[in-house]
Amino acid sequence: IDDAIIEPSEAFTVELSNIQSNLGIGFVDGNTTNTATGNILDDDAVGGTGIAFTNTNVTVTEGTDAFAIFEVTLTGDISENVSVDYTTIDGTAIDPSDYLTTASTITFTPTIKSYEIQVPIIDDAIIEPSEAFTVELSNIQSNLGIGFVDGNTTNTATGNILDDDAVGGTGIAFTNTNVTVTEGTDAFAIFEVTLTGDISENVSVDYTTIDGTAVDPSDYLTTASTITFTPTIKSYEIQVPIIDDAIIEPSEAFTVELSNIQSNLGIGFVDGNSTNTATGNILDDDAVGGTGIAFTNTNVTVTEGTDAFAIFEVTLTGDISENVSVDYTTIDGTAVDPSDYLTTTSTITFTPTIKS
């Protein structure tokens, strides 16, 4: 009978007995019976039959999938039990931080020919790249000549674990995007940069200062470098040196820019932008008591016929960074225009180099 069941070579017996003869004929060997054996070789354990993974690449997301499930099947009908061992093997995903080691033996029977290997997935709070582990099948136990479908001595499948921790609110950002300092009081403008979320490997970001109304090197010193966050260091201070000059000037500002995040973890800026900026404001300390505009002499005496002009000197005390102007005009008293003097009015403009 040609069945479709994978089975070992099998045998049956043909027996001769009950010789009926008037001639005294018996069996040659003198026995009362004679037997012969019929051996039936199986033809069902052929290409395409055997054990294999249904899917050799399984992807799950931590926090969403409790298990990575691998299905193993035996193709072909069998006449007796067949077993195969399985175990997980660490890769970039490791036990017990990413998944739990799972190992046992699958036993296929004539009625059970499919089995699910369920590997528990660990949901941690660490931002990490996609990671992988392996499930290996080996050591088939069979009297039927059953092997792996592909003819190899082992079979493997890969489990890929996607991370779920790099979500809204995680990433890199300035703690304060507006920092104000006073020259002469504050030696540095300090900007704090933080990484929110636990990470499994280093993440870096570049920073540099950019001139605004405050310029390098008269107001501050250009500062540029790279911040490297680690699993244990997630906060960094950028210290920008502030220059204390003697020039009266308005409040001035510069920018600190973060850019070029280097990460295998999908880390970005918290706000989702490609760069982040913060502003440094520098308050002046030079327009203090004694600085400003004034007459050098508030009482000028001249003699008509002798002095052609009454001369009043106006000065600006203190160094300035840009022009400053003040209007002047004469006002009649007992001396009147045009009989005693001529009305004089205009604007004085002081510059960083002209202060009288």
C-alpha atoms as a PDB file:
ATOM      1  CA  ILE A   1       0.000   0.000   0.000  1.00  0.00           C
ATOM      2  CA  ASP A   2       1.351   3.409  -0.975  1.00  0.00           C
ATOM      3  CA  ASP A   3       0.332   5.695   1.889  1.00  0.00           C
ATOM      4  CA  ALA A   4       1.456   9.301   2.570  1.00  0.00           C
ATOM      5  CA  ILE A   5       2.788   8.661   6.072  1.00  0.00           C
ATOM      6  CA  ILE A   6       6.471   9.101   6.860  1.00  0.00           C
ATOM      7  CA  GLU A   7       7.502   5.914   8.616  1.00  0.00           C
ATOM      8  CA  PRO A   8      10.537   3.731   9.143  1.00  0.00           C
ATOM      9  CA  SER A   9      11.238   0.693   6.982  1.00  0.00           C
ATOM     10  CA  GLU A  10       8.654  -1.908   7.941  1.00  0.00           C
ATOM     11  CA  ALA A  11       8.456  -5.687   7.566  1.00  0.00           C
ATOM     12  CA  PHE A  12       5.949  -8.480   7.353  1.00  0.00           C
ATOM     13  CA  THR A  13       6.326 -12.299   7.158  1.00  0.00           C
ATOM     14  CA  VAL A  14       5.115 -14.886   4.686  1.00  0.00           C
ATOM     15  CA  GLU A  15       4.764 -18.301   6.326  1.00  0.00           C
ATOM     16  CA  LEU A  16       4.610 -21.744   4.651  1.00  0.00           C
ATOM     17  CA  SER A  17       2.908 -24.494   6.611  1.00  0.00           C
ATOM     18  CA  ASN A  18       0.689 -27.608   6.364  1.00  0.00           C
ATOM     19  CA  ILE A  19       2.386 -29.531   3.573  1.00  0.00           C
ATOM     20  CA  GLN A  20      -0.018 -32.087   2.092  1.00  0.00           C
ATOM     21  CA  SER A  21       1.937 -34.909   0.364  1.00  0.00           C
ATOM     22  CA  ASN A  22       1.771 -38.746  -0.058  1.00  0.00           C
ATOM     23  CA  LEU A  23       5.441 -38.692  -1.049  1.00  0.00           C
ATOM     24  CA  GLY A  24       6.932 -37.767   2.255  1.00  0.00           C
ATOM     25  CA  ILE A  25       7.865 -34.305   1.006  1.00  0.00           C
ATOM     26  CA  GLY A  26       8.758 -31.840   3.717  1.00  0.00           C
ATOM     27  CA  PHE A  27      10.616 -28.583   4.027  1.00  0.00           C
ATOM     28  CA  VAL A  28      14.208 -28.673   2.887  1.00  0.00           C
ATOM     29  CA  ASP A  29      15.397 -27.512   6.247  1.00  0.00           C
ATOM     30  CA  GLY A  30      13.334 -30.164   7.976  1.00  0.00           C
ATOM     31  CA  ASN A  31      11.221 -27.600   9.860  1.00  0.00           C
ATOM     32  CA  THR A  32       7.476 -27.781  10.058  1.00  0.00           C
ATOM     33  CA  THR A  33       7.130 -24.270   8.690  1.00  0.00           C
ATOM     34  CA  ASN A  34       9.212 -21.947   6.575  1.00  0.00           C
ATOM     35  CA  THR A  35       9.121 -18.125   6.629  1.00  0.00           C
ATOM     36  CA  ALA A  36      10.302 -15.244   4.457  1.00  0.00           C
ATOM     37  CA  THR A  37      10.382 -11.524   5.255  1.00  0.00           C
ATOM     38  CA  GLY A  38       8.971  -8.697   3.168  1.00  0.00           C
ATOM     39  CA  ASN A  39      10.661  -5.273   3.821  1.00  0.00           C
ATOM     40  CA  ILE A  40       8.806  -2.114   2.823  1.00  0.00           C
ATOM     41  CA  LEU A  41      10.920   1.012   2.365  1.00  0.00           C
ATOM     42  CA  ASP A  42       9.164   4.353   2.891  1.00  0.00           C
ATOM     43  CA  ASP A  43       8.970   6.912   0.074  1.00  0.00           C
ATOM     44  CA  ASP A  44       7.424   9.837   1.988  1.00  0.00           C
ATOM     45  CA  ALA A  45      10.395  11.546   3.732  1.00  0.00           C
ATOM     46  CA  VAL A  46      11.357  13.387   0.569  1.00  0.00           C
ATOM     47  CA  GLY A  47      12.128  17.009  -0.356  1.00  0.00           C
ATOM     48  CA  GLY A  48       9.787  19.480   1.343  1.00  0.00           C
ATOM     49  CA  THR A  49       9.082  17.239   4.297  1.00  0.00           C
ATOM     50  CA  GLY A  50      10.608  17.821   7.700  1.00  0.00           C
ATOM     51  CA  ILE A  51      10.840  20.525  10.386  1.00  0.00           C
ATOM     52  CA  ALA A  52      11.115  24.295   9.759  1.00  0.00           C
ATOM     53  CA  PHE A  53      10.177  27.732  11.100  1.00  0.00           C
ATOM     54  CA  THR A  54       7.074  29.180   9.436  1.00  0.00           C
ATOM     55  CA  ASN A  55       8.622  32.669   9.714  1.00  0.00           C
ATOM     56  CA  THR A  56      12.344  33.163  10.256  1.00  0.00           C
ATOM     57  CA  ASN A  57      12.004  36.882  11.038  1.00  0.00           C
ATOM     58  CA  VAL A  58       9.631  38.036  13.797  1.00  0.00           C
ATOM     59  CA  THR A  59       9.332  41.719  14.807  1.00  0.00           C
ATOM     60  CA  VAL A  60       7.669  42.926  18.019  1.00  0.00           C
ATOM     61  CA  THR A  61       7.421  46.213  19.945  1.00  0.00           C
ATOM     62  CA  GLU A  62       8.229  46.307  23.637  1.00  0.00           C
ATOM     63  CA  GLY A  63       5.293  47.561  25.683  1.00  0.00           C
ATOM     64  CA  THR A  64       2.879  46.426  22.956  1.00  0.00           C
ATOM     65  CA  ASP A  65       3.787  42.766  22.437  1.00  0.00           C
ATOM     66  CA  ALA A  66       4.204  40.587  25.518  1.00  0.00           C
ATOM     67  CA  PHE A  67       5.746  37.762  23.478  1.00  0.00           C
ATOM     68  CA  ALA A  68       7.675  37.163  20.282  1.00  0.00           C
ATOM     69  CA  ILE A  69       5.944  34.126  18.788  1.00  0.00           C
ATOM     70  CA  PHE A  70       7.769  31.720  16.463  1.00  0.00           C
ATOM     71  CA  GLU A  71       5.832  28.936  14.763  1.00  0.00           C
ATOM     72  CA  VAL A  72       7.599  25.653  14.029  1.00  0.00           C
ATOM     73  CA  THR A  73       5.938  23.070  11.800  1.00  0.00           C
ATOM     74  CA  LEU A  74       6.539  19.510  10.682  1.00  0.00           C
ATOM     75  CA  THR A  75       5.589  18.940   7.059  1.00  0.00           C
ATOM     76  CA  GLY A  76       4.508  15.412   6.183  1.00  0.00           C
ATOM     77  CA  ASP A  77       2.367  12.825   8.001  1.00  0.00           C
ATOM     78  CA  ILE A  78       4.264  10.810  10.605  1.00  0.00           C
ATOM     79  CA  SER A  79       3.615   7.474  12.153  1.00  0.00           C
ATOM     80  CA  GLU A  80       5.340   8.118  15.487  1.00  0.00           C
ATOM     81  CA  ASN A  81       6.552  11.026  17.646  1.00  0.00           C
ATOM     82  CA  VAL A  82       9.427  13.283  16.531  1.00  0.00           C
ATOM     83  CA  SER A  83      11.124  15.807  18.834  1.00  0.00           C
ATOM     84  CA  VAL A  84      13.409  18.832  18.382  1.00  0.00           C
ATOM     85  CA  ASP A  85      15.101  21.089  20.950  1.00  0.00           C
ATOM     86  CA  TYR A  86      14.977  24.893  20.884  1.00  0.00           C
ATOM     87  CA  THR A  87      16.721  27.704  22.764  1.00  0.00           C
ATOM     88  CA  THR A  88      17.117  31.468  22.526  1.00  0.00           C
ATOM     89  CA  ILE A  89      20.570  33.021  21.984  1.00  0.00           C
ATOM     90  CA  ASP A  90      21.549  36.593  22.923  1.00  0.00           C
ATOM     91  CA  GLY A  91      22.365  39.088  20.177  1.00  0.00           C
ATOM     92  CA  THR A  92      22.058  42.844  20.587  1.00  0.00           C
ATOM     93  CA  ALA A  93      18.997  41.955  22.656  1.00  0.00           C
ATOM     94  CA  ILE A  94      20.065  40.217  25.858  1.00  0.00           C
ATOM     95  CA  ASP A  95      18.469  38.279  28.697  1.00  0.00           C
ATOM     96  CA  PRO A  96      17.011  39.457  31.062  1.00  0.00           C
ATOM     97  CA  SER A  97      16.966  43.176  30.206  1.00  0.00           C
ATOM     98  CA  ASP A  98      15.338  42.796  26.762  1.00  0.00           C
ATOM     99  CA  TYR A  99      13.738  39.328  26.730  1.00  0.00           C
ATOM    100  CA  LEU A 100      13.726  36.142  28.823  1.00  0.00           C
ATOM    101  CA  THR A 101      15.750  33.104  27.752  1.00  0.00           C
ATOM    102  CA  THR A 102      13.381  30.377  26.564  1.00  0.00           C
ATOM    103  CA  ALA A 103      14.433  26.759  25.973  1.00  0.00           C
ATOM    104  CA  SER A 104      12.610  23.419  25.804  1.00  0.00           C
ATOM    105  CA  THR A 105      11.736  20.502  23.514  1.00  0.00           C
ATOM    106  CA  ILE A 106       8.978  20.346  20.909  1.00  0.00           C
ATOM    107  CA  THR A 107       7.319  16.958  20.414  1.00  0.00           C
ATOM    108  CA  PHE A 108       5.398  16.424  17.189  1.00  0.00           C
ATOM    109  CA  THR A 109       2.892  13.563  17.079  1.00  0.00           C
ATOM    110  CA  PRO A 110       0.883  12.019  14.247  1.00  0.00           C
ATOM    111  CA  THR A 111      -1.867  14.556  15.128  1.00  0.00           C
ATOM    112  CA  ILE A 112       0.109  17.595  16.374  1.00  0.00           C
ATOM    113  CA  LYS A 113       2.383  19.065  13.742  1.00  0.00           C
ATOM    114  CA  SER A 114       2.593  22.765  14.656  1.00  0.00           C
ATOM    115  CA  TYR A 115       4.035  24.446  17.746  1.00  0.00           C
ATOM    116  CA  GLU A 116       4.395  28.055  18.956  1.00  0.00           C
ATOM    117  CA  ILE A 117       7.556  29.129  20.787  1.00  0.00           C
ATOM    118  CA  GLN A 118       6.610  32.133  22.944  1.00  0.00           C
ATOM    119  CA  VAL A 119       9.547  34.307  24.053  1.00  0.00           C
ATOM    120  CA  PRO A 120       8.642  36.894  26.770  1.00  0.00           C
ATOM    121  CA  ILE A 121       9.575  40.497  25.841  1.00  0.00           C
ATOM    122  CA  ILE A 122      10.679  42.936  28.581  1.00  0.00           C
ATOM    123  CA  ASP A 123       9.196  46.458  28.514  1.00  0.00           C
ATOM    124  CA  ASP A 124      11.905  48.698  29.993  1.00  0.00           C
ATOM    125  CA  ALA A 125      12.022  52.526  30.103  1.00  0.00           C
ATOM    126  CA  ILE A 126      15.346  52.849  28.284  1.00  0.00           C
ATOM    127  CA  ILE A 127      15.578  54.513  24.876  1.00  0.00           C
ATOM    128  CA  GLU A 128      17.531  52.058  22.732  1.00  0.00           C
ATOM    129  CA  PRO A 129      17.925  50.981  19.119  1.00  0.00           C
ATOM    130  CA  SER A 130      16.062  48.035  17.636  1.00  0.00           C
ATOM    131  CA  GLU A 131      17.649  44.881  19.053  1.00  0.00           C
ATOM    132  CA  ALA A 132      17.658  41.242  18.017  1.00  0.00           C
ATOM    133  CA  PHE A 133      18.032  37.723  19.414  1.00  0.00           C
ATOM    134  CA  THR A 134      18.046  34.272  17.810  1.00  0.00           C
ATOM    135  CA  VAL A 135      15.946  31.146  18.333  1.00  0.00           C
ATOM    136  CA  GLU A 136      17.790  27.951  17.371  1.00  0.00           C
ATOM    137  CA  LEU A 137      16.321  24.521  16.622  1.00  0.00           C
ATOM    138  CA  SER A 138      18.628  21.509  16.994  1.00  0.00           C
ATOM    139  CA  ASN A 139      18.918  17.847  18.001  1.00  0.00           C
ATOM    140  CA  ILE A 140      16.036  16.230  16.122  1.00  0.00           C
ATOM    141  CA  GLN A 141      15.105  12.863  17.646  1.00  0.00           C
ATOM    142  CA  SER A 142      13.412  10.628  15.066  1.00  0.00           C
ATOM    143  CA  ASN A 143      13.275   7.014  13.909  1.00  0.00           C
ATOM    144  CA  LEU A 144      11.739   8.173  10.657  1.00  0.00           C
ATOM    145  CA  GLY A 145      14.697   9.907   9.087  1.00  0.00           C
ATOM    146  CA  ILE A 146      13.022  13.251   9.688  1.00  0.00           C
ATOM    147  CA  GLY A 147      15.350  16.261   9.443  1.00  0.00           C
ATOM    148  CA  PHE A 148      15.078  19.962   8.735  1.00  0.00           C
ATOM    149  CA  VAL A 149      13.384  20.866   5.460  1.00  0.00           C
ATOM    150  CA  ASP A 150      16.504  22.720   4.265  1.00  0.00           C
ATOM    151  CA  GLY A 151      18.772  19.772   5.054  1.00  0.00           C
ATOM    152  CA  ASN A 152      20.862  21.666   7.623  1.00  0.00           C
ATOM    153  CA  THR A 153      21.750  20.334  11.056  1.00  0.00           C
ATOM    154  CA  THR A 154      20.183  23.351  12.802  1.00  0.00           C
ATOM    155  CA  ASN A 155      17.596  26.004  11.915  1.00  0.00           C
ATOM    156  CA  THR A 156      17.426  29.574  13.244  1.00  0.00           C
ATOM    157  CA  ALA A 157      14.962  32.455  13.333  1.00  0.00           C
ATOM    158  CA  THR A 158      15.511  36.082  14.383  1.00  0.00           C
ATOM    159  CA  GLY A 159      13.470  38.077  16.894  1.00  0.00           C
ATOM    160  CA  ASN A 160      13.576  41.872  16.414  1.00  0.00           C
ATOM    161  CA  ILE A 161      12.527  44.109  19.318  1.00  0.00           C
ATOM    162  CA  LEU A 162      11.443  47.655  18.466  1.00  0.00           C
ATOM    163  CA  ASP A 163      11.781  50.300  21.200  1.00  0.00           C
ATOM    164  CA  ASP A 164       8.789  52.294  22.491  1.00  0.00           C
ATOM    165  CA  ASP A 165      10.550  54.833  24.712  1.00  0.00           C
ATOM    166  CA  ALA A 166      11.643  57.621  22.315  1.00  0.00           C
ATOM    167  CA  VAL A 167       8.203  59.256  22.439  1.00  0.00           C
ATOM    168  CA  GLY A 168       6.842  62.778  22.964  1.00  0.00           C
ATOM    169  CA  GLY A 169       8.689  64.669  25.707  1.00  0.00           C
ATOM    170  CA  THR A 170      11.924  62.740  25.319  1.00  0.00           C
ATOM    171  CA  GLY A 171      14.993  64.223  23.672  1.00  0.00           C
ATOM    172  CA  ILE A 172      17.368  67.170  23.968  1.00  0.00           C
ATOM    173  CA  ALA A 173      16.438  70.744  24.951  1.00  0.00           C
ATOM    174  CA  PHE A 174      17.660  73.887  26.701  1.00  0.00           C
ATOM    175  CA  THR A 175      16.388  74.171  30.278  1.00  0.00           C
ATOM    176  CA  ASN A 176      16.162  77.966  29.823  1.00  0.00           C
ATOM    177  CA  THR A 177      16.094  79.560  26.386  1.00  0.00           C
ATOM    178  CA  ASN A 178      16.658  83.103  27.706  1.00  0.00           C
ATOM    179  CA  VAL A 179      19.649  83.819  29.941  1.00  0.00           C
ATOM    180  CA  THR A 180      20.420  87.364  31.189  1.00  0.00           C
ATOM    181  CA  VAL A 181      23.772  88.405  32.719  1.00  0.00           C
ATOM    182  CA  THR A 182      25.465  91.682  33.662  1.00  0.00           C
ATOM    183  CA  GLU A 183      28.980  92.423  32.476  1.00  0.00           C
ATOM    184  CA  GLY A 184      31.333  93.022  35.356  1.00  0.00           C
ATOM    185  CA  THR A 185      29.097  90.956  37.646  1.00  0.00           C
ATOM    186  CA  ASP A 186      28.711  87.673  35.775  1.00  0.00           C
ATOM    187  CA  ALA A 187      31.852  86.048  34.367  1.00  0.00           C
ATOM    188  CA  PHE A 188      29.809  83.581  32.309  1.00  0.00           C
ATOM    189  CA  ALA A 189      26.407  83.191  30.711  1.00  0.00           C
ATOM    190  CA  ILE A 190      25.424  79.638  31.630  1.00  0.00           C
ATOM    191  CA  PHE A 191      23.038  77.605  29.482  1.00  0.00           C
ATOM    192  CA  GLU A 192      21.851  74.187  30.709  1.00  0.00           C
ATOM    193  CA  VAL A 193      21.102  71.495  28.144  1.00  0.00           C
ATOM    194  CA  THR A 194      19.336  68.294  29.215  1.00  0.00           C
ATOM    195  CA  LEU A 195      18.393  64.945  27.703  1.00  0.00           C
ATOM    196  CA  THR A 196      15.006  63.661  28.851  1.00  0.00           C
ATOM    197  CA  GLY A 197      14.573  59.877  28.868  1.00  0.00           C
ATOM    198  CA  ASP A 198      16.842  57.004  29.849  1.00  0.00           C
ATOM    199  CA  ILE A 199      19.296  55.962  27.126  1.00  0.00           C
ATOM    200  CA  SER A 200      21.219  52.755  26.490  1.00  0.00           C
ATOM    201  CA  GLU A 201      24.211  54.310  24.690  1.00  0.00           C
ATOM    202  CA  ASN A 202      25.888  57.693  24.195  1.00  0.00           C
ATOM    203  CA  VAL A 203      24.180  60.539  22.318  1.00  0.00           C
ATOM    204  CA  SER A 204      26.009  63.712  21.221  1.00  0.00           C
ATOM    205  CA  VAL A 205      24.982  67.193  20.042  1.00  0.00           C
ATOM    206  CA  ASP A 206      27.085  70.121  18.784  1.00  0.00           C
ATOM    207  CA  TYR A 207      26.761  73.694  20.065  1.00  0.00           C
ATOM    208  CA  THR A 208      28.124  77.071  19.009  1.00  0.00           C
ATOM    209  CA  THR A 209      27.556  80.750  19.792  1.00  0.00           C
ATOM    210  CA  ILE A 210      26.369  83.135  17.053  1.00  0.00           C
ATOM    211  CA  ASP A 211      26.871  86.917  17.068  1.00  0.00           C
ATOM    212  CA  GLY A 212      23.869  89.175  17.392  1.00  0.00           C
ATOM    213  CA  THR A 213      24.032  92.726  18.772  1.00  0.00           C
ATOM    214  CA  ALA A 214      26.634  91.252  21.121  1.00  0.00           C
ATOM    215  CA  VAL A 215      29.755  90.309  19.173  1.00  0.00           C
ATOM    216  CA  ASP A 216      32.907  88.305  19.772  1.00  0.00           C
ATOM    217  CA  PRO A 217      35.399  89.266  21.196  1.00  0.00           C
ATOM    218  CA  SER A 218      34.286  92.681  22.470  1.00  0.00           C
ATOM    219  CA  ASP A 219      31.180  91.470  24.335  1.00  0.00           C
ATOM    220  CA  TYR A 220      31.657  87.712  24.797  1.00  0.00           C
ATOM    221  CA  LEU A 221      33.952  84.929  23.602  1.00  0.00           C
ATOM    222  CA  THR A 222      32.807  82.489  20.912  1.00  0.00           C
ATOM    223  CA  THR A 223      32.199  79.074  22.492  1.00  0.00           C
ATOM    224  CA  ALA A 224      31.724  75.870  20.491  1.00  0.00           C
ATOM    225  CA  SER A 225      32.089  72.166  21.230  1.00  0.00           C
ATOM    226  CA  THR A 226      30.185  68.871  21.479  1.00  0.00           C
ATOM    227  CA  ILE A 227      28.047  67.635  24.360  1.00  0.00           C
ATOM    228  CA  THR A 228      28.067  63.868  24.962  1.00  0.00           C
ATOM    229  CA  PHE A 229      25.216  62.457  27.015  1.00  0.00           C
ATOM    230  CA  THR A 230      25.700  58.986  28.523  1.00  0.00           C
ATOM    231  CA  PRO A 231      23.328  56.594  30.301  1.00  0.00           C
ATOM    232  CA  THR A 232      24.389  58.301  33.563  1.00  0.00           C
ATOM    233  CA  ILE A 233      25.127  61.912  32.469  1.00  0.00           C
ATOM    234  CA  LYS A 234      22.062  63.680  31.083  1.00  0.00           C
ATOM    235  CA  SER A 235      22.677  67.351  31.910  1.00  0.00           C
ATOM    236  CA  TYR A 236      25.398  69.742  30.676  1.00  0.00           C
ATOM    237  CA  GLU A 237      26.268  73.419  31.267  1.00  0.00           C
ATOM    238  CA  ILE A 238      27.506  75.560  28.366  1.00  0.00           C
ATOM    239  CA  GLN A 239      29.561  78.404  29.888  1.00  0.00           C
ATOM    240  CA  VAL A 240      30.039  81.429  27.617  1.00  0.00           C
ATOM    241  CA  PRO A 241      32.675  83.953  28.893  1.00  0.00           C
ATOM    242  CA  ILE A 242      31.350  87.531  29.192  1.00  0.00           C
ATOM    243  CA  ILE A 243      33.706  90.497  28.508  1.00  0.00           C
ATOM    244  CA  ASP A 244      33.642  93.417  30.973  1.00  0.00           C
ATOM    245  CA  ASP A 245      34.484  96.515  28.917  1.00  0.00           C
ATOM    246  CA  ALA A 246      34.291 100.181  29.942  1.00  0.00           C
ATOM    247  CA  ILE A 247      31.975 101.229  27.124  1.00  0.00           C
ATOM    248  CA  ILE A 248      28.466 102.491  27.802  1.00  0.00           C
ATOM    249  CA  GLU A 249      26.231 100.426  25.519  1.00  0.00           C
ATOM    250  CA  PRO A 250      22.682  99.101  25.302  1.00  0.00           C
ATOM    251  CA  SER A 251      21.712  95.613  26.361  1.00  0.00           C
ATOM    252  CA  GLU A 252      23.114  93.242  23.736  1.00  0.00           C
ATOM    253  CA  ALA A 253      22.323  89.662  22.773  1.00  0.00           C
ATOM    254  CA  PHE A 254      23.890  86.599  21.181  1.00  0.00           C
ATOM    255  CA  THR A 255      22.571  83.133  20.349  1.00  0.00           C
ATOM    256  CA  VAL A 256      23.642  79.625  21.332  1.00  0.00           C
ATOM    257  CA  GLU A 257      22.637  77.018  18.754  1.00  0.00           C
ATOM    258  CA  LEU A 258      22.368  73.233  19.210  1.00  0.00           C
ATOM    259  CA  SER A 259      22.603  71.090  16.074  1.00  0.00           C
ATOM    260  CA  ASN A 260      23.825  67.807  14.555  1.00  0.00           C
ATOM    261  CA  ILE A 261      22.538  65.216  17.019  1.00  0.00           C
ATOM    262  CA  GLN A 262      24.435  61.919  16.663  1.00  0.00           C
ATOM    263  CA  SER A 263      22.327  58.999  17.884  1.00  0.00           C
ATOM    264  CA  ASN A 264      21.504  55.395  17.021  1.00  0.00           C
ATOM    265  CA  LEU A 265      18.449  55.670  19.255  1.00  0.00           C
ATOM    266  CA  GLY A 266      16.269  58.000  17.220  1.00  0.00           C
ATOM    267  CA  ILE A 267      16.895  60.788  19.749  1.00  0.00           C
ATOM    268  CA  GLY A 268      16.031  64.279  18.518  1.00  0.00           C
ATOM    269  CA  PHE A 269      15.134  67.646  19.993  1.00  0.00           C
ATOM    270  CA  VAL A 270      12.086  67.626  22.272  1.00  0.00           C
ATOM    271  CA  ASP A 271      10.294  70.142  20.033  1.00  0.00           C
ATOM    272  CA  GLY A 272      10.944  68.076  16.919  1.00  0.00           C
ATOM    273  CA  ASN A 273      12.997  70.783  15.176  1.00  0.00           C
ATOM    274  CA  SER A 274      16.350  70.182  13.497  1.00  0.00           C
ATOM    275  CA  THR A 275      18.090  72.799  15.693  1.00  0.00           C
ATOM    276  CA  ASN A 276      17.426  74.483  19.038  1.00  0.00           C
ATOM    277  CA  THR A 277      18.497  77.973  20.115  1.00  0.00           C
ATOM    278  CA  ALA A 278      18.767  80.010  23.302  1.00  0.00           C
ATOM    279  CA  THR A 279      19.451  83.726  23.724  1.00  0.00           C
ATOM    280  CA  GLY A 280      22.098  85.312  25.937  1.00  0.00           C
ATOM    281  CA  ASN A 281      21.326  88.901  27.008  1.00  0.00           C
ATOM    282  CA  ILE A 282      24.210  91.078  28.310  1.00  0.00           C
ATOM    283  CA  LEU A 283      23.277  94.042  30.504  1.00  0.00           C
ATOM    284  CA  ASP A 284      25.729  96.985  30.609  1.00  0.00           C
ATOM    285  CA  ASP A 285      27.359  98.162  33.860  1.00  0.00           C
ATOM    286  CA  ASP A 286      29.066 101.347  32.633  1.00  0.00           C
ATOM    287  CA  ALA A 287      26.262 103.959  32.642  1.00  0.00           C
ATOM    288  CA  VAL A 288      26.619 104.552  36.389  1.00  0.00           C
ATOM    289  CA  GLY A 289      26.928 107.662  38.593  1.00  0.00           C
ATOM    290  CA  GLY A 290      29.180 110.326  37.041  1.00  0.00           C
ATOM    291  CA  THR A 291      28.582 109.236  33.460  1.00  0.00           C
ATOM    292  CA  GLY A 292      26.432 111.180  31.033  1.00  0.00           C
ATOM    293  CA  ILE A 293      26.070 114.659  29.483  1.00  0.00           C
ATOM    294  CA  ALA A 294      26.715 117.960  31.262  1.00  0.00           C
ATOM    295  CA  PHE A 295      27.953 121.556  30.818  1.00  0.00           C
ATOM    296  CA  THR A 296      31.591 121.947  31.813  1.00  0.00           C
ATOM    297  CA  ASN A 297      30.765 125.436  33.188  1.00  0.00           C
ATOM    298  CA  THR A 298      27.219 126.465  33.905  1.00  0.00           C
ATOM    299  CA  ASN A 299      28.068 130.211  34.218  1.00  0.00           C
ATOM    300  CA  VAL A 300      29.813 131.986  31.358  1.00  0.00           C
ATOM    301  CA  THR A 301      30.560 135.774  31.479  1.00  0.00           C
ATOM    302  CA  VAL A 302      31.526 137.864  28.418  1.00  0.00           C
ATOM    303  CA  THR A 303      31.918 141.593  27.638  1.00  0.00           C
ATOM    304  CA  GLU A 304      30.183 143.019  24.616  1.00  0.00           C
ATOM    305  CA  GLY A 305      32.632 144.706  22.272  1.00  0.00           C
ATOM    306  CA  THR A 306      35.373 142.466  23.608  1.00  0.00           C
ATOM    307  CA  ASP A 307      33.993 138.915  23.209  1.00  0.00           C
ATOM    308  CA  ALA A 308      32.391 137.954  19.897  1.00  0.00           C
ATOM    309  CA  PHE A 309      30.883 134.763  21.364  1.00  0.00           C
ATOM    310  CA  ALA A 310      29.739 133.322  24.647  1.00  0.00           C
ATOM    311  CA  ILE A 311      31.164 129.797  24.554  1.00  0.00           C
ATOM    312  CA  PHE A 312      29.544 126.920  26.485  1.00  0.00           C
ATOM    313  CA  GLU A 313      31.268 123.510  26.553  1.00  0.00           C
ATOM    314  CA  VAL A 314      29.156 120.362  26.765  1.00  0.00           C
ATOM    315  CA  THR A 315      30.795 117.005  27.469  1.00  0.00           C
ATOM    316  CA  LEU A 316      29.773 113.351  27.600  1.00  0.00           C
ATOM    317  CA  THR A 317      31.471 111.424  30.376  1.00  0.00           C
ATOM    318  CA  GLY A 318      31.986 107.711  29.782  1.00  0.00           C
ATOM    319  CA  ASP A 319      32.920 105.630  26.721  1.00  0.00           C
ATOM    320  CA  ILE A 320      30.035 104.935  24.360  1.00  0.00           C
ATOM    321  CA  SER A 321      29.482 102.260  21.715  1.00  0.00           C
ATOM    322  CA  GLU A 322      27.216 104.282  19.429  1.00  0.00           C
ATOM    323  CA  ASN A 323      26.219 107.913  18.761  1.00  0.00           C
ATOM    324  CA  VAL A 324      24.304 109.919  21.374  1.00  0.00           C
ATOM    325  CA  SER A 325      22.629 113.267  20.575  1.00  0.00           C
ATOM    326  CA  VAL A 326      21.229 116.170  22.595  1.00  0.00           C
ATOM    327  CA  ASP A 327      19.436 119.320  21.412  1.00  0.00           C
ATOM    328  CA  TYR A 328      20.324 122.842  22.583  1.00  0.00           C
ATOM    329  CA  THR A 329      18.692 126.280  22.290  1.00  0.00           C
ATOM    330  CA  THR A 330      19.065 129.747  23.812  1.00  0.00           C
ATOM    331  CA  ILE A 331      16.203 131.305  25.770  1.00  0.00           C
ATOM    332  CA  ASP A 332      15.732 135.049  26.366  1.00  0.00           C
ATOM    333  CA  GLY A 333      16.228 136.429  29.808  1.00  0.00           C
ATOM    334  CA  THR A 334      17.077 140.103  30.520  1.00  0.00           C
ATOM    335  CA  ALA A 335      19.257 139.686  27.445  1.00  0.00           C
ATOM    336  CA  VAL A 336      17.037 139.341  24.424  1.00  0.00           C
ATOM    337  CA  ASP A 337      17.403 138.334  20.786  1.00  0.00           C
ATOM    338  CA  PRO A 338      18.350 140.113  18.554  1.00  0.00           C
ATOM    339  CA  SER A 339      19.361 143.230  20.430  1.00  0.00           C
ATOM    340  CA  ASP A 340      21.730 141.525  22.913  1.00  0.00           C
ATOM    341  CA  TYR A 341      22.574 138.152  21.362  1.00  0.00           C
ATOM    342  CA  LEU A 342      21.490 135.944  18.500  1.00  0.00           C
ATOM    343  CA  THR A 343      19.287 132.923  19.164  1.00  0.00           C
ATOM    344  CA  THR A 344      21.349 129.749  18.665  1.00  0.00           C
ATOM    345  CA  THR A 345      19.821 126.277  18.412  1.00  0.00           C
ATOM    346  CA  SER A 346      20.954 122.896  17.011  1.00  0.00           C
ATOM    347  CA  THR A 347      21.807 119.300  17.963  1.00  0.00           C
ATOM    348  CA  ILE A 348      25.043 117.990  19.433  1.00  0.00           C
ATOM    349  CA  THR A 349      26.020 114.465  18.336  1.00  0.00           C
ATOM    350  CA  PHE A 350      28.533 112.645  20.484  1.00  0.00           C
ATOM    351  CA  THR A 351      30.317 109.663  18.935  1.00  0.00           C
ATOM    352  CA  PRO A 352      32.559 106.946  20.395  1.00  0.00           C
ATOM    353  CA  THR A 353      35.484 109.305  19.530  1.00  0.00           C
ATOM    354  CA  ILE A 354      33.923 112.803  19.917  1.00  0.00           C
ATOM    355  CA  LYS A 355      32.759 113.437  23.454  1.00  0.00           C
ATOM    356  CA  SER A 356      33.120 117.261  23.893  1.00  0.00           C
END
